[in-house]
Amino acid sequence: MSHHPRHRTALLAVALLGAATACGSGTPAAPKAEEKPSKTSAVPRNGSMKDFTLVATGDLLVHASVIRQAKADSGSASYDFRRMIRAAAPVVAQADLAICHMETVYGAAQGPFTGYPTFKTPPQLASAVKDIGYDSCSTASNHTLDAGPEGVVRTLAAMDRAGLKHAGSARSAAESVRPTILEAGGAKVAHLAYAYGTNGIPVPQGKPWLVNLINPARIIKDARAARRAGADVVVVSAHWGTEWQQAPDKLQLSLAKKLTASRDGGRRDIDLILGTHAHVPQAYEKVNGTWVVYGMGDQIAGVMPDKRGQMGSAARFTFAPPAAPGRAWRVKKAEYIPHAVDNGPITLVNLPRALEKSPGNPGYTSALSTIQEAVLSRGGKKDGLSMGR
């Protein structure tokens, strides 16, 4: 992987720091894409195309204990999440594109901030995620409406200020149909995101655009609109599944089959599916020739009744350019990178790297085994899935 200047900057910024349960209608005709270039210095469209890596991680689940930790880490009245998640930097900042999942919405600048069951997260999380090296985050979750329309507006505004792109919720109808387009390796990459529901909170009348809800026909229409807007690769973030269940549920299995089978003019509509929500690691599987990550688990979270709630994986896919213009980009390498959360203080841990330093650590060894069992449970290894670090 290449070390882009912006990635070295992100790594340096992090280095200087020293270190419960979570949680339509069709799309209008093809919109004009709003150009949202990533931090990566993309190869011009008329230049040579090259491989690129895309990394994605699971739920940033900001429990009350995570908020307290961020306040303690700031050393003041502010909130600093960077130390907690800095272990993601070597993987995230070296990728050409990096996608996170913003599980919770933000509170007002001065609070109040709350954890489960209705979250209001300090907006400083956005700048921390950006500093680590993320380019875009999915914002469609069962908690998107925890703070009403105001929570959606605050969250997206804070992400905009941080320079972090987003997909899955919107402040207007126009914004909701404008695909998030990133660039890497000379490819335009569309990021789309959807959630199964909103914990029973009704979507305000006349404002369906506040959160994208899962509807197979809608997702396919959006993917095709993104293609018409110039996307070479379409990535879908899906907030789905049954909490605490390792095996994908009926919705996950049926939606994965339907979306990966969808074709337009002989070309697949969706190139990659990234799942969140279940709060436990789930399988990676090739469905109809397309990689589906049913669930990456939580990236950061407080202590929950099930220890798997502090385990997850980063998904890393290396895409290769097509052999001929107009053909599909393909995944040439698929990897999972296991991670867990330490407590006292709350800290993200890259397990392969941690075990190199502490090979006998029983907690890390157990977590790695649990994650591997889940990730490989549907035959991903035979399709070429390997563990990264």
Protein backbone atom coordinates (compact mmCIF):
# COMPACT_ATOMS: atom_id res chain seq x y z
CA MET A 1 0.00 0.00 0.00
CA SER A 2 1.21 3.46 -0.81
CA HIS A 3 1.79 6.01 1.90
CA HIS A 4 -0.02 9.10 0.67
CA PRO A 5 1.03 12.45 2.20
CA ARG A 6 -2.36 12.87 3.84
CA HIS A 7 -2.01 9.44 5.44
CA ARG A 8 1.42 10.21 6.83
CA THR A 9 -0.08 13.39 8.27
CA ALA A 10 -2.89 11.43 9.88
CA LEU A 11 -0.48 8.93 11.39
CA LEU A 12 1.74 11.72 12.72
CA ALA A 13 -1.22 13.52 14.27
CA VAL A 14 -2.23 10.36 16.07
CA ALA A 15 1.30 9.53 17.14
CA LEU A 16 1.65 12.93 18.77
CA LEU A 17 -1.18 12.12 21.14
CA GLY A 18 0.91 9.44 22.89
CA ALA A 19 -1.91 7.15 22.62
CA ALA A 20 -26.27 -2.85 26.62
CA THR A 21 -27.59 -3.15 23.13
CA ALA A 22 -26.60 -0.58 20.66
CA CYS A 23 -27.96 1.14 19.35
CA GLY A 24 -39.60 3.49 1.08
CA SER A 25 -40.19 4.89 -1.75
CA GLY A 26 -38.20 4.83 -5.01
CA THR A 27 -35.48 7.32 -5.81
CA PRO A 28 -36.01 10.11 -8.34
CA ALA A 29 -34.32 9.95 -11.72
CA ALA A 30 -30.54 10.02 -11.84
CA PRO A 31 -29.30 13.03 -9.89
CA LYS A 32 -26.28 15.09 -10.72
CA ALA A 33 -23.50 13.89 -8.49
CA GLU A 34 -21.94 16.22 -5.99
CA GLU A 35 -18.24 15.71 -6.37
CA LYS A 36 -16.81 14.61 -3.04
CA PRO A 37 -13.16 13.78 -3.59
CA SER A 38 -11.50 11.86 -0.81
CA LYS A 39 -8.27 12.83 0.87
CA THR A 40 -6.49 10.49 -1.52
CA SER A 41 -4.69 12.04 -4.46
CA ALA A 42 -6.64 10.15 -7.10
CA VAL A 43 -5.25 9.37 -10.52
CA PRO A 44 -6.98 11.51 -13.19
CA ARG A 45 -9.76 9.79 -15.09
CA ASN A 46 -7.82 10.12 -18.31
CA GLY A 47 -4.66 8.78 -16.71
CA SER A 48 -3.64 5.24 -15.89
CA MET A 49 -5.82 3.40 -13.37
CA LYS A 50 -4.29 1.37 -10.57
CA ASP A 51 -5.19 -0.90 -7.67
CA PHE A 52 -6.69 0.71 -4.60
CA THR A 53 -7.48 -0.50 -1.10
CA LEU A 54 -10.72 0.17 0.74
CA VAL A 55 -10.94 -0.33 4.50
CA ALA A 56 -14.17 -0.34 6.50
CA THR A 57 -14.84 -0.70 10.22
CA GLY A 58 -17.86 -1.32 12.42
CA ASP A 59 -19.98 0.58 14.88
CA LEU A 60 -18.60 3.57 16.75
CA LEU A 61 -20.91 2.93 19.69
CA VAL A 62 -20.50 5.82 22.10
CA HIS A 63 -21.78 4.57 25.42
CA ALA A 64 -21.73 6.80 28.51
CA SER A 65 -18.45 5.16 29.57
CA VAL A 66 -16.91 6.07 26.19
CA ILE A 67 -18.03 9.68 26.65
CA ARG A 68 -16.48 9.76 30.13
CA GLN A 69 -13.25 8.33 28.74
CA ALA A 70 -13.14 10.96 25.98
CA LYS A 71 -13.60 13.70 28.56
CA ALA A 72 -10.83 12.28 30.74
CA ASP A 73 -8.54 11.97 27.72
CA SER A 74 -9.09 15.61 26.79
CA GLY A 75 -7.63 16.80 30.07
CA SER A 76 -10.18 19.63 30.04
CA ALA A 77 -13.87 20.29 29.61
CA SER A 78 -13.67 19.05 26.01
CA TYR A 79 -13.76 15.52 24.58
CA ASP A 80 -10.96 13.70 22.77
CA PHE A 81 -11.62 10.32 21.15
CA ARG A 82 -8.30 10.01 19.32
CA ARG A 83 -6.33 8.00 21.87
CA MET A 84 -9.15 5.49 22.14
CA ILE A 85 -9.20 4.69 18.43
CA ARG A 86 -5.59 5.39 17.44
CA ALA A 87 -4.87 1.66 16.99
CA ALA A 88 -6.93 1.92 13.79
CA ALA A 89 -4.50 4.44 12.29
CA PRO A 90 -1.95 2.06 10.73
CA VAL A 91 -4.72 0.24 8.85
CA VAL A 92 -7.01 3.17 8.10
CA ALA A 93 -4.49 5.85 7.22
CA GLN A 94 -2.60 3.61 4.80
CA ALA A 95 -5.73 2.67 2.85
CA ASP A 96 -6.73 4.62 -0.24
CA LEU A 97 -10.30 4.88 1.05
CA ALA A 98 -11.54 4.33 4.60
CA ILE A 99 -15.18 4.07 5.72
CA CYS A 100 -16.44 4.09 9.30
CA HIS A 101 -19.91 3.59 10.77
CA MET A 102 -21.23 6.51 12.82
CA GLU A 103 -23.73 4.60 14.91
CA THR A 104 -24.86 7.52 17.07
CA VAL A 105 -25.94 11.10 16.45
CA TYR A 106 -24.38 14.16 18.04
CA GLY A 107 -25.63 16.41 20.80
CA ALA A 108 -25.37 20.20 20.86
CA ALA A 109 -21.89 21.69 21.21
CA GLN A 110 -22.14 22.05 25.00
CA GLY A 111 -24.25 18.94 25.56
CA PRO A 112 -25.98 17.29 27.22
CA PHE A 113 -24.36 14.08 26.01
CA THR A 114 -25.93 10.70 26.67
CA GLY A 115 -25.27 7.02 26.04
CA TYR A 116 -27.70 4.13 25.71
CA PRO A 117 -30.64 3.96 25.03
CA THR A 118 -30.96 7.30 23.18
CA PHE A 119 -27.54 8.58 22.25
CA LYS A 120 -26.20 12.10 22.00
CA THR A 121 -22.49 11.99 21.24
CA PRO A 122 -19.93 14.80 21.60
CA PRO A 123 -19.35 16.22 18.10
CA GLN A 124 -15.58 16.02 18.63
CA LEU A 125 -15.88 12.42 17.44
CA ALA A 126 -16.04 13.66 13.85
CA SER A 127 -12.66 15.38 13.93
CA ALA A 128 -11.10 12.40 15.72
CA VAL A 129 -12.30 10.04 13.01
CA LYS A 130 -11.03 12.39 10.32
CA ASP A 131 -7.64 12.69 12.04
CA ILE A 132 -7.28 8.90 12.12
CA GLY A 133 -7.64 8.89 8.33
CA TYR A 134 -11.28 8.08 7.51
CA ASP A 135 -12.82 9.53 4.36
CA SER A 136 -16.54 8.76 4.74
CA CYS A 137 -18.89 7.27 7.32
CA SER A 138 -22.29 5.62 7.08
CA THR A 139 -24.84 7.44 9.24
CA ALA A 140 -27.94 5.27 8.73
CA SER A 141 -28.62 3.29 11.91
CA ASN A 142 -31.39 2.42 14.31
CA HIS A 143 -30.21 5.43 16.34
CA THR A 144 -30.27 8.02 13.54
CA LEU A 145 -33.45 9.60 14.91
CA ASP A 146 -32.53 9.40 18.61
CA ALA A 147 -32.37 13.21 18.80
CA GLY A 148 -34.95 13.92 16.09
CA PRO A 149 -34.27 15.94 12.93
CA GLU A 150 -32.01 18.25 14.94
CA GLY A 151 -29.71 15.35 15.75
CA VAL A 152 -29.33 14.50 12.07
CA VAL A 153 -28.59 18.13 11.19
CA ARG A 154 -26.04 18.52 14.01
CA THR A 155 -24.28 15.29 13.10
CA LEU A 156 -23.91 16.04 9.40
CA ALA A 157 -22.88 19.64 10.08
CA ALA A 158 -20.12 18.50 12.42
CA MET A 159 -18.93 15.93 9.89
CA ASP A 160 -18.91 18.60 7.18
CA ARG A 161 -16.81 20.88 9.39
CA ALA A 162 -14.34 18.05 9.96
CA GLY A 163 -14.13 17.32 6.24
CA LEU A 164 -15.67 13.88 6.69
CA LYS A 165 -18.07 12.63 4.02
CA HIS A 166 -21.27 10.82 4.94
CA ALA A 167 -23.99 8.60 3.52
CA GLY A 168 -27.28 7.29 4.91
CA SER A 169 -28.97 10.37 6.37
CA ALA A 170 -29.68 13.81 4.95
CA ARG A 171 -30.92 17.30 5.74
CA SER A 172 -33.04 17.70 2.63
CA ALA A 173 -34.62 15.77 -0.21
CA ALA A 174 -31.99 17.15 -2.59
CA GLU A 175 -29.12 16.00 -0.38
CA SER A 176 -30.64 12.53 -0.01
CA VAL A 177 -30.47 11.78 -3.74
CA ARG A 178 -26.97 13.15 -4.28
CA PRO A 179 -24.61 10.17 -4.19
CA THR A 180 -21.47 10.41 -2.08
CA ILE A 181 -18.67 9.96 -4.61
CA LEU A 182 -15.09 9.35 -3.51
CA GLU A 183 -12.01 8.72 -5.66
CA ALA A 184 -9.16 6.24 -5.52
CA GLY A 185 -6.91 4.58 -8.04
CA GLY A 186 -8.56 6.50 -10.84
CA ALA A 187 -11.95 5.04 -9.90
CA LYS A 188 -15.00 6.91 -8.73
CA VAL A 189 -16.43 5.07 -5.72
CA ALA A 190 -20.03 5.63 -4.60
CA HIS A 191 -20.85 5.12 -0.93
CA LEU A 192 -24.53 4.37 -0.14
CA ALA A 193 -25.99 3.49 3.27
CA TYR A 194 -29.28 2.16 4.69
CA ALA A 195 -30.76 0.95 8.01
CA TYR A 196 -33.43 -1.61 8.84
CA GLY A 197 -35.35 0.77 11.14
CA THR A 198 -35.23 3.43 13.84
CA ASN A 199 -36.11 1.64 17.10
CA GLY A 200 -39.78 2.49 16.68
CA ILE A 201 -39.19 6.23 16.42
CA PRO A 202 -41.42 7.37 13.55
CA VAL A 203 -39.77 9.11 10.63
CA PRO A 204 -41.26 12.65 10.65
CA GLN A 205 -44.08 13.16 8.18
CA GLY A 206 -42.81 14.58 4.92
CA LYS A 207 -39.15 14.04 5.82
CA PRO A 208 -38.34 10.49 4.65
CA TRP A 209 -34.90 11.70 3.62
CA LEU A 210 -33.74 12.05 7.23
CA VAL A 211 -32.67 8.38 7.18
CA ASN A 212 -32.37 5.85 4.37
CA LEU A 213 -34.36 2.74 5.24
CA ILE A 214 -33.66 -0.65 3.71
CA ASN A 215 -35.78 -1.31 0.64
CA PRO A 216 -34.21 -3.56 -2.01
CA ALA A 217 -35.79 -1.75 -4.96
CA ARG A 218 -34.71 1.62 -3.56
CA ILE A 219 -31.13 0.44 -3.02
CA ILE A 220 -30.88 -0.91 -6.56
CA LYS A 221 -32.32 2.32 -8.01
CA ASP A 222 -29.82 4.34 -5.99
CA ALA A 223 -26.95 2.13 -7.15
CA ARG A 224 -27.96 2.59 -10.78
CA ALA A 225 -28.30 6.34 -10.27
CA ALA A 226 -24.78 6.36 -8.82
CA ARG A 227 -23.53 4.50 -11.90
CA ARG A 228 -25.14 7.10 -14.13
CA ALA A 229 -23.44 9.76 -12.03
CA GLY A 230 -20.10 8.18 -12.93
CA ALA A 231 -19.45 5.59 -10.20
CA ASP A 232 -17.12 2.77 -11.21
CA VAL A 233 -17.52 0.99 -7.87
CA VAL A 234 -20.67 1.01 -5.72
CA VAL A 235 -20.32 0.21 -2.02
CA VAL A 236 -23.40 -0.30 0.17
CA SER A 237 -23.31 0.01 3.97
CA ALA A 238 -26.18 -1.98 5.48
CA HIS A 239 -27.27 -1.58 9.10
CA TRP A 240 -29.04 -4.91 9.55
CA GLY A 241 -29.04 -8.22 11.37
CA THR A 242 -30.13 -9.52 14.77
CA GLU A 243 -28.25 -8.16 17.75
CA TRP A 244 -25.94 -10.65 19.49
CA GLN A 245 -26.52 -13.29 16.79
CA GLN A 246 -23.43 -14.45 14.94
CA ALA A 247 -25.32 -16.08 12.08
CA PRO A 248 -26.82 -13.73 9.48
CA ASP A 249 -30.62 -13.56 9.76
CA LYS A 250 -33.25 -13.95 7.04
CA LEU A 251 -33.19 -10.26 6.08
CA GLN A 252 -29.41 -10.28 5.70
CA LEU A 253 -29.38 -13.45 3.62
CA SER A 254 -32.27 -12.47 1.35
CA LEU A 255 -31.08 -8.90 0.83
CA ALA A 256 -27.51 -10.03 0.14
CA LYS A 257 -28.74 -12.45 -2.53
CA LYS A 258 -31.04 -9.92 -4.14
CA LEU A 259 -28.55 -7.06 -4.22
CA THR A 260 -25.61 -9.11 -5.44
CA ALA A 261 -27.74 -10.74 -8.16
CA SER A 262 -28.95 -7.40 -9.53
CA ARG A 263 -27.53 -6.53 -12.95
CA ASP A 264 -27.98 -3.66 -15.36
CA GLY A 265 -26.78 -4.13 -18.92
CA GLY A 266 -24.97 -7.29 -17.83
CA ARG A 267 -22.97 -5.48 -15.14
CA ARG A 268 -23.55 -5.93 -11.43
CA ASP A 269 -25.17 -2.96 -9.68
CA ILE A 270 -23.35 -3.36 -6.35
CA ASP A 271 -19.68 -4.23 -5.87
CA LEU A 272 -19.40 -4.62 -2.08
CA ILE A 273 -21.74 -4.83 0.94
CA LEU A 274 -20.54 -3.79 4.41
CA GLY A 275 -22.71 -4.75 7.38
CA THR A 276 -23.08 -3.21 10.84
CA HIS A 277 -25.47 -3.38 13.82
CA ALA A 278 -25.37 -6.89 15.31
CA HIS A 279 -22.61 -5.88 17.80
CA VAL A 280 -20.84 -9.20 17.36
CA PRO A 281 -18.45 -10.29 14.63
CA GLN A 282 -20.20 -11.95 11.68
CA ALA A 283 -19.14 -13.75 8.53
CA TYR A 284 -17.57 -12.56 5.29
CA GLU A 285 -18.95 -14.41 2.28
CA LYS A 286 -18.91 -14.21 -1.50
CA VAL A 287 -22.52 -14.12 -2.75
CA ASN A 288 -23.10 -14.25 -6.50
CA GLY A 289 -19.42 -13.42 -6.90
CA THR A 290 -19.61 -10.28 -4.72
CA TRP A 291 -18.16 -9.93 -1.24
CA VAL A 292 -20.65 -9.42 1.58
CA VAL A 293 -19.52 -8.59 5.11
CA TYR A 294 -22.57 -9.46 7.19
CA GLY A 295 -21.25 -7.67 10.27
CA MET A 296 -17.98 -6.08 11.28
CA GLY A 297 -18.94 -5.92 14.95
CA ASP A 298 -18.26 -2.89 17.12
CA GLN A 299 -15.12 -0.85 16.66
CA ILE A 300 -15.42 1.00 19.95
CA ALA A 301 -17.97 0.39 22.70
CA GLY A 302 -18.29 0.27 26.46
CA VAL A 303 -18.59 -2.93 28.47
CA MET A 304 -21.76 -4.86 27.62
CA PRO A 305 -23.31 -8.09 28.99
CA ASP A 306 -21.77 -10.07 26.12
CA LYS A 307 -18.00 -9.66 25.78
CA ARG A 308 -18.32 -10.04 22.00
CA GLY A 309 -19.75 -6.51 22.01
CA GLN A 310 -16.17 -5.27 22.25
CA MET A 311 -14.90 -7.38 19.36
CA GLY A 312 -14.92 -6.79 15.63
CA SER A 313 -12.98 -6.75 12.41
CA ALA A 314 -11.80 -4.22 9.89
CA ALA A 315 -12.59 -5.27 6.33
CA ARG A 316 -9.91 -4.54 3.73
CA PHE A 317 -10.50 -5.09 0.02
CA THR A 318 -8.01 -4.42 -2.74
CA PHE A 319 -9.71 -3.52 -6.02
CA ALA A 320 -8.03 -4.00 -9.39
CA PRO A 321 -8.94 -1.95 -12.47
CA PRO A 322 -10.88 -3.52 -15.34
CA ALA A 323 -9.14 -5.11 -18.30
CA ALA A 324 -11.13 -2.91 -20.66
CA PRO A 325 -13.03 0.41 -20.37
CA GLY A 326 -16.56 0.05 -19.05
CA ARG A 327 -15.89 -3.32 -17.43
CA ALA A 328 -16.16 -3.93 -13.69
CA TRP A 329 -13.43 -3.35 -11.16
CA ARG A 330 -12.76 -6.56 -9.24
CA VAL A 331 -11.66 -7.46 -5.74
CA LYS A 332 -8.24 -9.08 -6.08
CA LYS A 333 -7.61 -9.45 -2.35
CA ALA A 334 -10.00 -9.75 0.62
CA GLU A 335 -8.79 -9.43 4.20
CA TYR A 336 -10.14 -9.13 7.73
CA ILE A 337 -8.20 -7.52 10.57
CA PRO A 338 -9.43 -8.57 14.03
CA HIS A 339 -9.69 -5.98 16.77
CA ALA A 340 -11.01 -5.71 20.31
CA VAL A 341 -11.45 -3.14 23.07
CA ASP A 342 -9.44 -3.01 26.28
CA ASN A 343 -11.01 -1.46 29.36
CA GLY A 344 -9.41 0.76 32.01
CA PRO A 345 -8.85 2.86 29.97
CA ILE A 346 -11.11 2.09 27.00
CA THR A 347 -8.72 1.45 24.12
CA LEU A 348 -9.02 -0.09 20.67
CA VAL A 349 -6.58 -2.97 20.09
CA ASN A 350 -5.36 -4.33 16.76
CA LEU A 351 -5.15 -8.00 17.77
CA PRO A 352 -2.54 -9.30 15.31
CA ARG A 353 -0.20 -6.44 16.20
CA ALA A 354 -0.91 -6.75 19.93
CA LEU A 355 -0.24 -10.49 19.89
CA GLU A 356 3.12 -9.91 18.22
CA LYS A 357 4.08 -7.93 21.31
CA SER A 358 2.25 -10.10 23.87
CA PRO A 359 1.93 -13.58 22.30
CA GLY A 360 0.69 -15.19 25.48
CA ASN A 361 -2.07 -12.71 26.33
CA PRO A 362 -5.08 -14.96 27.04
CA GLY A 363 -7.68 -12.22 26.52
CA TYR A 364 -6.30 -11.31 23.10
CA THR A 365 -5.92 -14.97 22.08
CA SER A 366 -9.51 -15.72 23.07
CA ALA A 367 -10.87 -12.66 21.26
CA LEU A 368 -8.93 -13.53 18.11
CA SER A 369 -10.33 -17.06 18.15
CA THR A 370 -13.90 -15.81 18.61
CA ILE A 371 -13.57 -13.32 15.75
CA GLN A 372 -11.96 -15.82 13.39
CA GLU A 373 -14.65 -18.40 14.04
CA ALA A 374 -17.35 -15.87 13.15
CA VAL A 375 -15.62 -14.28 10.15
CA LEU A 376 -14.81 -17.63 8.53
CA SER A 377 -18.11 -19.36 9.44
CA ARG A 378 -19.56 -19.21 5.91
CA GLY A 379 -16.59 -20.38 3.87
CA GLY A 380 -14.81 -17.10 3.23
CA LYS A 381 -11.41 -18.76 3.43
CA LYS A 382 -12.06 -20.94 0.37
CA ASP A 383 -12.90 -17.78 -1.56
CA GLY A 384 -9.53 -16.30 -0.70
CA LEU A 385 -10.27 -14.38 2.52
CA SER A 386 -7.17 -13.98 4.67
CA MET A 387 -6.23 -12.27 7.92
CA GLY A 388 -4.37 -8.96 7.68
CA ARG A 389 -2.68 -6.91 10.35
